[in-house]
Amino acid sequence: MNAVNKNNSTLVQQLIQQGADVDELDASRDAPLVMAAYKGYNEIVKLLLEAGADVGAVDPGMKATALHAASYAGRAEAAKLLIDYQIDINKQGPYNGYTALHDAIWQNNVEVVKVLLDANADLNLKSNDGKTPLDFARSKNHREIVGLIEEKSGK
């Protein structure tokens, strides 16, 4: 995790080659893949995925996946990598019911929204407060995202 936090992809690669556990949690219970995705360390995300990192790993607080983290933080390239490795694009957080699309909308991360829409994120899933991604985008007054979702859904 120290190598991940320092964005040292060379060291991450060496540690993987030496048999390091790519899913080993740090003292805060953070998973390397979630942290790398959140920080946008794309080379490290790719190395971890290639080494078999668990795409189902979640952070200790919100129980969010690496895709949630990338979406919230506006990391479009990390989101693409995770989707390529079959992460559950529609997984909902246990506390708020947000999907990665909800998280991207929350932070007005238009590029991530585009990635998720291109990957066919489910536009009908509702958060725990009953909002679809379109409802949520409207409530946040994110007009560009509203337009993208309306275009995708044909509404």
Protein backbone atom coordinates (compact mmCIF):
# COMPACT_ATOMS: atom_id res chain seq x y z
CA MET A 1 0.00 0.00 0.00
CA ASN A 2 2.91 2.36 0.62
CA ALA A 3 4.01 1.91 -2.98
CA VAL A 4 0.44 2.57 -4.15
CA ASN A 5 0.12 5.73 -2.06
CA LYS A 6 3.40 7.01 -3.46
CA ASN A 7 2.24 6.24 -7.04
CA ASN A 8 5.37 4.12 -7.48
CA SER A 9 4.32 1.75 -10.25
CA THR A 10 7.84 0.32 -10.60
CA LEU A 11 7.85 -0.75 -6.96
CA VAL A 12 4.29 -2.07 -7.20
CA GLN A 13 5.34 -4.18 -10.18
CA GLN A 14 8.41 -5.49 -8.32
CA LEU A 15 6.34 -6.38 -5.26
CA ILE A 16 3.78 -8.20 -7.40
CA GLN A 17 6.59 -10.17 -9.06
CA GLN A 18 7.88 -11.08 -5.60
CA GLY A 19 4.49 -12.49 -4.65
CA ALA A 20 2.95 -9.63 -2.69
CA ASP A 21 -0.75 -10.01 -1.92
CA VAL A 22 -2.45 -7.43 -4.19
CA ASP A 23 -5.54 -7.50 -1.98
CA GLU A 24 -3.80 -6.99 1.37
CA LEU A 25 -5.55 -4.24 3.31
CA ASP A 26 -3.61 -1.54 5.10
CA ALA A 27 -4.03 -0.60 8.77
CA SER A 28 -7.07 1.52 7.84
CA ARG A 29 -8.63 -1.47 6.03
CA ASP A 30 -8.21 0.21 2.62
CA ALA A 31 -7.68 -2.01 -0.41
CA PRO A 32 -4.88 -1.12 -2.84
CA LEU A 33 -7.19 -1.23 -5.88
CA VAL A 34 -9.76 1.09 -4.30
CA MET A 35 -7.07 3.56 -3.26
CA ALA A 36 -5.30 3.52 -6.64
CA ALA A 37 -8.61 4.04 -8.46
CA TYR A 38 -9.60 6.91 -6.16
CA LYS A 39 -6.26 8.64 -6.68
CA GLY A 40 -6.28 8.04 -10.44
CA TYR A 41 -3.05 6.05 -10.45
CA ASN A 42 -3.97 4.32 -13.70
CA GLU A 43 -0.75 2.40 -14.24
CA ILE A 44 -1.06 0.93 -10.75
CA VAL A 45 -4.76 0.16 -11.28
CA LYS A 46 -3.78 -1.73 -14.42
CA LEU A 47 -0.95 -3.61 -12.67
CA LEU A 48 -3.22 -4.63 -9.80
CA LEU A 49 -5.98 -5.77 -12.14
CA GLU A 50 -3.54 -7.77 -14.27
CA ALA A 51 -2.27 -9.41 -11.07
CA GLY A 52 -5.80 -10.50 -10.16
CA ALA A 53 -6.83 -7.86 -7.63
CA ASP A 54 -10.35 -8.35 -6.32
CA VAL A 55 -12.67 -5.96 -8.20
CA GLY A 56 -15.24 -6.58 -5.47
CA ALA A 57 -13.04 -5.00 -2.78
CA VAL A 58 -14.67 -2.10 -0.94
CA ASP A 59 -13.49 0.78 1.20
CA PRO A 60 -13.97 0.50 4.97
CA GLY A 61 -16.23 3.53 5.34
CA MET A 62 -18.95 3.62 2.71
CA LYS A 63 -18.31 0.07 1.47
CA ALA A 64 -17.79 1.53 -2.01
CA THR A 65 -16.03 -0.34 -4.81
CA ALA A 66 -13.03 0.91 -6.74
CA LEU A 67 -15.45 2.02 -9.48
CA HIS A 68 -17.42 4.09 -6.97
CA ALA A 69 -14.15 5.64 -5.81
CA ALA A 70 -12.98 6.42 -9.35
CA SER A 71 -16.38 7.83 -10.27
CA TYR A 72 -16.60 10.05 -7.20
CA ALA A 73 -13.06 11.35 -7.75
CA GLY A 74 -13.49 11.96 -11.49
CA ARG A 75 -11.03 9.31 -12.67
CA ALA A 76 -12.43 8.37 -16.10
CA GLU A 77 -9.44 6.29 -17.20
CA ALA A 78 -9.45 4.27 -13.98
CA ALA A 79 -13.19 3.72 -14.45
CA LYS A 80 -12.58 2.39 -17.97
CA LEU A 81 -9.92 -0.02 -16.72
CA LEU A 82 -12.20 -1.34 -13.99
CA ILE A 83 -15.09 -1.81 -16.41
CA ASP A 84 -12.76 -3.70 -18.76
CA TYR A 85 -12.06 -6.07 -15.87
CA GLN A 86 -15.75 -6.79 -15.32
CA ILE A 87 -16.35 -4.80 -12.15
CA ASP A 88 -20.04 -4.68 -11.26
CA ILE A 89 -20.96 -1.36 -12.87
CA ASN A 90 -24.35 -1.29 -11.17
CA LYS A 91 -23.36 -2.27 -7.62
CA GLN A 92 -25.16 -0.11 -5.12
CA GLY A 93 -23.60 1.16 -1.93
CA PRO A 94 -25.25 -0.32 1.17
CA TYR A 95 -25.75 2.99 2.96
CA ASN A 96 -27.03 5.36 0.28
CA GLY A 97 -27.85 3.00 -2.57
CA TYR A 98 -25.67 4.97 -4.96
CA THR A 99 -24.24 3.31 -8.02
CA ALA A 100 -20.98 4.53 -9.53
CA LEU A 101 -23.14 6.63 -11.87
CA HIS A 102 -24.80 8.32 -8.89
CA ASP A 103 -21.34 9.06 -7.44
CA ALA A 104 -20.12 10.57 -10.71
CA ILE A 105 -23.26 12.71 -10.92
CA TRP A 106 -22.89 13.79 -7.29
CA GLN A 107 -19.50 15.32 -8.09
CA ASN A 108 -20.48 16.54 -11.60
CA ASN A 109 -17.81 14.35 -13.19
CA VAL A 110 -19.06 14.53 -16.77
CA GLU A 111 -16.27 12.44 -18.33
CA VAL A 112 -16.90 9.58 -15.91
CA VAL A 113 -20.63 9.81 -16.57
CA LYS A 114 -19.87 9.39 -20.28
CA VAL A 115 -17.74 6.30 -19.57
CA LEU A 116 -20.49 4.75 -17.45
CA LEU A 117 -23.22 5.54 -19.97
CA ASP A 118 -21.10 4.04 -22.77
CA ALA A 119 -20.76 0.91 -20.63
CA ASN A 120 -24.56 0.74 -20.29
CA ALA A 121 -24.95 1.62 -16.63
CA ASP A 122 -28.50 0.91 -15.49
CA LEU A 123 -30.45 4.17 -15.61
CA ASN A 124 -33.38 2.76 -13.65
CA LEU A 125 -31.64 1.88 -10.40
CA LYS A 126 -32.80 4.07 -7.54
CA SER A 127 -30.76 5.26 -4.60
CA ASN A 128 -32.08 4.66 -1.09
CA ASP A 129 -33.88 8.00 -1.30
CA GLY A 130 -35.65 6.89 -4.48
CA LYS A 131 -33.66 8.80 -7.09
CA THR A 132 -32.68 7.38 -10.47
CA PRO A 133 -29.51 8.82 -11.98
CA LEU A 134 -31.65 11.23 -14.03
CA ASP A 135 -33.59 12.34 -10.94
CA PHE A 136 -30.33 12.84 -9.08
CA ALA A 137 -28.75 14.85 -11.91
CA ARG A 138 -31.84 17.06 -12.06
CA SER A 139 -31.79 17.57 -8.28
CA LYS A 140 -28.15 18.66 -8.51
CA ASN A 141 -28.94 20.92 -11.50
CA HIS A 142 -26.19 19.29 -13.55
CA ARG A 143 -27.64 20.21 -16.93
CA GLU A 144 -24.95 18.63 -19.10
CA ILE A 145 -25.34 15.30 -17.33
CA VAL A 146 -29.15 15.54 -17.52
CA GLY A 147 -28.79 15.96 -21.27
CA LEU A 148 -26.43 12.99 -21.58
CA ILE A 149 -28.78 10.73 -19.62
CA GLU A 150 -31.83 11.90 -21.52
CA GLU A 151 -30.03 11.27 -24.81
CA LYS A 152 -28.98 7.79 -23.70
CA SER A 153 -32.40 6.84 -22.40
CA GLY A 154 -34.34 8.41 -25.25
CA LYS A 155 -36.36 10.61 -22.86
